[in-house]
N, C-alpha and C. Protein backbone atom coordinates (compact mmCIF):
# COMPACT_ATOMS: atom_id res chain seq x y z
N UNK A 1 17.24 -0.30 6.23
CA UNK A 1 15.94 -0.87 5.93
C UNK A 1 14.87 0.22 5.90
N UNK A 2 15.04 1.24 6.74
CA UNK A 2 14.07 2.33 6.72
C UNK A 2 14.08 3.03 5.36
N UNK A 3 15.26 3.18 4.78
CA UNK A 3 15.35 3.79 3.45
C UNK A 3 14.64 2.93 2.41
N UNK A 4 14.83 1.61 2.49
CA UNK A 4 14.15 0.71 1.55
C UNK A 4 12.64 0.82 1.69
N UNK A 5 12.17 0.84 2.93
CA UNK A 5 10.73 0.95 3.17
C UNK A 5 10.19 2.27 2.61
N UNK A 6 10.89 3.34 2.87
CA UNK A 6 10.47 4.66 2.36
C UNK A 6 10.48 4.69 0.84
N UNK A 7 11.49 4.07 0.25
CA UNK A 7 11.60 4.05 -1.21
C UNK A 7 10.43 3.27 -1.83
N UNK A 8 10.08 2.15 -1.24
CA UNK A 8 8.96 1.37 -1.77
C UNK A 8 7.65 2.14 -1.63
N UNK A 9 7.46 2.83 -0.51
CA UNK A 9 6.25 3.64 -0.34
C UNK A 9 6.20 4.76 -1.36
N UNK A 10 7.34 5.38 -1.63
CA UNK A 10 7.41 6.43 -2.64
C UNK A 10 7.05 5.89 -4.03
N UNK A 11 7.60 4.72 -4.37
CA UNK A 11 7.29 4.11 -5.66
C UNK A 11 5.80 3.76 -5.76
N UNK A 12 5.23 3.24 -4.68
CA UNK A 12 3.80 2.91 -4.69
C UNK A 12 2.96 4.15 -4.95
N UNK A 13 3.35 5.24 -4.34
CA UNK A 13 2.63 6.49 -4.56
C UNK A 13 2.70 6.91 -6.03
N UNK A 14 3.87 6.81 -6.61
CA UNK A 14 4.03 7.15 -8.02
C UNK A 14 3.21 6.26 -8.94
N UNK A 15 3.30 4.96 -8.72
CA UNK A 15 2.53 4.03 -9.55
C UNK A 15 1.03 4.27 -9.42
N UNK A 16 0.57 4.56 -8.20
CA UNK A 16 -0.87 4.78 -8.01
C UNK A 16 -1.33 6.05 -8.71
N UNK A 17 -0.42 6.96 -8.97
CA UNK A 17 -0.74 8.17 -9.74
C UNK A 17 -0.75 7.88 -11.23
N UNK A 18 0.24 7.12 -11.70
CA UNK A 18 0.39 6.91 -13.14
C UNK A 18 -0.50 5.83 -13.72
N UNK A 19 -0.84 4.81 -12.96
CA UNK A 19 -1.66 3.72 -13.49
C UNK A 19 -2.99 4.22 -14.05
N UNK A 20 -3.74 5.04 -13.31
CA UNK A 20 -5.02 5.50 -13.87
C UNK A 20 -4.87 6.39 -15.10
N UNK A 21 -3.70 6.95 -15.30
CA UNK A 21 -3.47 7.83 -16.44
C UNK A 21 -3.02 7.07 -17.69
N UNK A 22 -2.64 5.82 -17.54
CA UNK A 22 -2.10 5.05 -18.67
C UNK A 22 -3.24 4.62 -19.60
N UNK A 23 -3.17 5.05 -20.84
CA UNK A 23 -4.21 4.69 -21.81
C UNK A 23 -3.81 3.48 -22.65
N UNK A 24 -2.53 3.17 -22.69
CA UNK A 24 -2.04 2.01 -23.45
C UNK A 24 -2.16 0.76 -22.56
N UNK A 25 -2.92 -0.24 -22.99
CA UNK A 25 -3.11 -1.43 -22.16
C UNK A 25 -1.80 -2.12 -21.77
N UNK A 26 -0.84 -2.17 -22.69
CA UNK A 26 0.42 -2.83 -22.37
C UNK A 26 1.20 -2.06 -21.30
N UNK A 27 1.25 -0.74 -21.45
CA UNK A 27 1.93 0.08 -20.45
C UNK A 27 1.22 -0.03 -19.11
N UNK A 28 -0.10 0.01 -19.15
CA UNK A 28 -0.88 -0.09 -17.91
C UNK A 28 -0.57 -1.40 -17.19
N UNK A 29 -0.49 -2.49 -17.93
CA UNK A 29 -0.21 -3.79 -17.32
C UNK A 29 1.19 -3.82 -16.70
N UNK A 30 2.16 -3.23 -17.40
CA UNK A 30 3.52 -3.16 -16.86
C UNK A 30 3.52 -2.37 -15.55
N UNK A 31 2.83 -1.24 -15.53
CA UNK A 31 2.76 -0.43 -14.32
C UNK A 31 2.07 -1.18 -13.18
N UNK A 32 0.98 -1.89 -13.49
CA UNK A 32 0.28 -2.68 -12.47
C UNK A 32 1.18 -3.78 -11.93
N UNK A 33 1.90 -4.46 -12.82
CA UNK A 33 2.82 -5.51 -12.38
C UNK A 33 3.91 -4.94 -11.49
N UNK A 34 4.45 -3.78 -11.88
CA UNK A 34 5.47 -3.13 -11.06
C UNK A 34 4.90 -2.71 -9.71
N UNK A 35 3.69 -2.18 -9.72
CA UNK A 35 3.02 -1.78 -8.48
C UNK A 35 2.89 -2.99 -7.56
N UNK A 36 2.41 -4.10 -8.10
CA UNK A 36 2.24 -5.31 -7.28
C UNK A 36 3.58 -5.80 -6.72
N UNK A 37 4.64 -5.68 -7.52
CA UNK A 37 5.97 -6.04 -7.03
C UNK A 37 6.40 -5.15 -5.88
N UNK A 38 6.11 -3.86 -5.99
CA UNK A 38 6.45 -2.92 -4.91
C UNK A 38 5.65 -3.23 -3.64
N UNK A 39 4.39 -3.61 -3.81
CA UNK A 39 3.57 -3.98 -2.65
C UNK A 39 4.23 -5.15 -1.92
N UNK A 40 4.66 -6.14 -2.67
CA UNK A 40 5.30 -7.30 -2.06
C UNK A 40 6.63 -6.92 -1.43
N UNK A 41 7.42 -6.12 -2.13
CA UNK A 41 8.71 -5.68 -1.58
C UNK A 41 8.53 -4.90 -0.29
N UNK A 42 7.56 -4.00 -0.28
CA UNK A 42 7.30 -3.20 0.91
C UNK A 42 6.96 -4.09 2.09
N UNK A 43 6.11 -5.08 1.85
CA UNK A 43 5.70 -5.96 2.94
C UNK A 43 6.86 -6.83 3.43
N UNK A 44 7.71 -7.27 2.51
CA UNK A 44 8.88 -8.06 2.89
C UNK A 44 9.82 -7.25 3.78
N UNK A 45 10.07 -6.00 3.40
CA UNK A 45 10.93 -5.14 4.22
C UNK A 45 10.27 -4.90 5.58
N UNK A 46 8.98 -4.61 5.57
CA UNK A 46 8.26 -4.40 6.83
C UNK A 46 8.37 -5.62 7.73
N UNK A 47 8.15 -6.82 7.18
CA UNK A 47 8.23 -8.04 7.99
C UNK A 47 9.60 -8.19 8.64
N UNK A 48 10.65 -7.93 7.88
CA UNK A 48 12.01 -8.04 8.43
C UNK A 48 12.24 -7.01 9.54
N UNK A 49 11.78 -5.80 9.32
CA UNK A 49 11.92 -4.77 10.34
C UNK A 49 11.13 -5.14 11.59
N UNK A 50 9.95 -5.70 11.40
CA UNK A 50 9.11 -6.12 12.52
C UNK A 50 9.79 -7.23 13.32
N UNK A 51 10.38 -8.19 12.61
CA UNK A 51 11.08 -9.30 13.28
C UNK A 51 12.24 -8.79 14.14
N UNK A 52 12.90 -7.74 13.66
CA UNK A 52 14.05 -7.17 14.38
C UNK A 52 13.62 -6.18 15.47
N UNK A 53 12.32 -5.93 15.56
CA UNK A 53 11.82 -4.98 16.55
C UNK A 53 12.01 -3.53 16.13
N UNK A 54 12.27 -3.29 14.86
CA UNK A 54 12.51 -1.95 14.36
C UNK A 54 11.23 -1.25 13.92
N UNK A 55 10.13 -1.98 13.83
CA UNK A 55 8.85 -1.41 13.39
C UNK A 55 7.76 -2.06 14.23
N UNK A 56 7.72 -1.70 15.50
CA UNK A 56 6.74 -2.35 16.38
C UNK A 56 5.30 -1.96 16.00
N UNK A 57 4.45 -2.93 16.03
CA UNK A 57 3.03 -2.72 15.74
C UNK A 57 2.21 -3.38 16.83
N UNK A 58 0.95 -3.02 16.88
CA UNK A 58 0.04 -3.68 17.82
C UNK A 58 -1.09 -4.30 17.03
N UNK A 59 -1.64 -5.34 17.58
CA UNK A 59 -2.77 -6.02 16.94
C UNK A 59 -3.99 -5.10 17.00
N UNK A 60 -4.66 -4.93 15.88
CA UNK A 60 -5.85 -4.08 15.84
C UNK A 60 -6.99 -4.77 16.59
N UNK A 61 -7.63 -4.02 17.44
CA UNK A 61 -8.79 -4.52 18.17
C UNK A 61 -10.01 -4.46 17.26
N UNK A 62 -10.95 -5.36 17.48
CA UNK A 62 -12.13 -5.44 16.62
C UNK A 62 -12.89 -4.12 16.51
N UNK A 63 -13.09 -3.37 17.60
CA UNK A 63 -13.77 -2.07 17.45
C UNK A 63 -13.01 -1.10 16.54
N UNK A 64 -11.69 -1.13 16.59
CA UNK A 64 -10.88 -0.28 15.72
C UNK A 64 -11.03 -0.68 14.26
N UNK A 65 -11.09 -1.98 14.02
CA UNK A 65 -11.29 -2.49 12.66
C UNK A 65 -12.65 -2.05 12.14
N UNK A 66 -13.66 -2.18 12.96
CA UNK A 66 -15.02 -1.78 12.56
C UNK A 66 -15.09 -0.28 12.27
N UNK A 67 -14.43 0.53 13.11
CA UNK A 67 -14.44 1.97 12.92
C UNK A 67 -13.76 2.35 11.60
N UNK A 68 -12.64 1.71 11.32
CA UNK A 68 -11.94 1.98 10.06
C UNK A 68 -12.80 1.55 8.87
N UNK A 69 -13.44 0.41 8.99
CA UNK A 69 -14.30 -0.09 7.91
C UNK A 69 -15.43 0.90 7.65
N UNK A 70 -16.08 1.37 8.71
CA UNK A 70 -17.17 2.32 8.57
C UNK A 70 -16.70 3.63 7.94
N UNK A 71 -15.54 4.08 8.36
CA UNK A 71 -15.00 5.32 7.81
C UNK A 71 -14.81 5.22 6.31
N UNK A 72 -14.21 4.11 5.86
CA UNK A 72 -13.94 3.97 4.43
C UNK A 72 -15.21 3.64 3.64
N UNK A 73 -16.17 3.00 4.27
CA UNK A 73 -17.46 2.78 3.60
C UNK A 73 -18.16 4.12 3.39
N UNK A 74 -18.07 5.02 4.38
CA UNK A 74 -18.66 6.35 4.24
C UNK A 74 -17.98 7.13 3.12
N UNK A 75 -16.66 7.07 3.07
CA UNK A 75 -15.93 7.74 1.99
C UNK A 75 -16.32 7.17 0.63
N UNK A 76 -16.44 5.87 0.57
CA UNK A 76 -16.82 5.21 -0.68
C UNK A 76 -18.23 5.67 -1.09
N UNK A 77 -19.12 5.76 -0.12
CA UNK A 77 -20.48 6.20 -0.40
C UNK A 77 -20.53 7.63 -0.89
N UNK A 78 -19.68 8.48 -0.36
CA UNK A 78 -19.63 9.87 -0.79
C UNK A 78 -19.13 10.00 -2.22
N UNK A 79 -18.25 9.09 -2.61
CA UNK A 79 -17.68 9.14 -3.96
C UNK A 79 -18.61 8.51 -4.99
N UNK A 80 -19.41 7.55 -4.55
CA UNK A 80 -20.25 6.79 -5.47
C UNK A 80 -21.51 7.46 -5.72
C-alpha cells in the first residue's frame, strides 16, 4: 500500500506540472480528469492505511489550522 500511495503522489506531481502547460483544451481536460482520479485514489489508499494503523495521523488543533491558513495566505499575497 505504501508503494500505491507513493505512486499516486508521484502521478499527482506530474499532472500538476503538465496541466498548466497544456494548450489544447481537450488534452487539458483529460489531464485534469486524470489528476482528479489520482486525488481520489490517493485518498482511498490513505484511508485504508489509516484504518489498518499503517499511517497514523493526529487531529489538527485549531491554532495549527490558523497558522497554516495564515502561512498560505501570506504566500498567496506575495504571489498576487
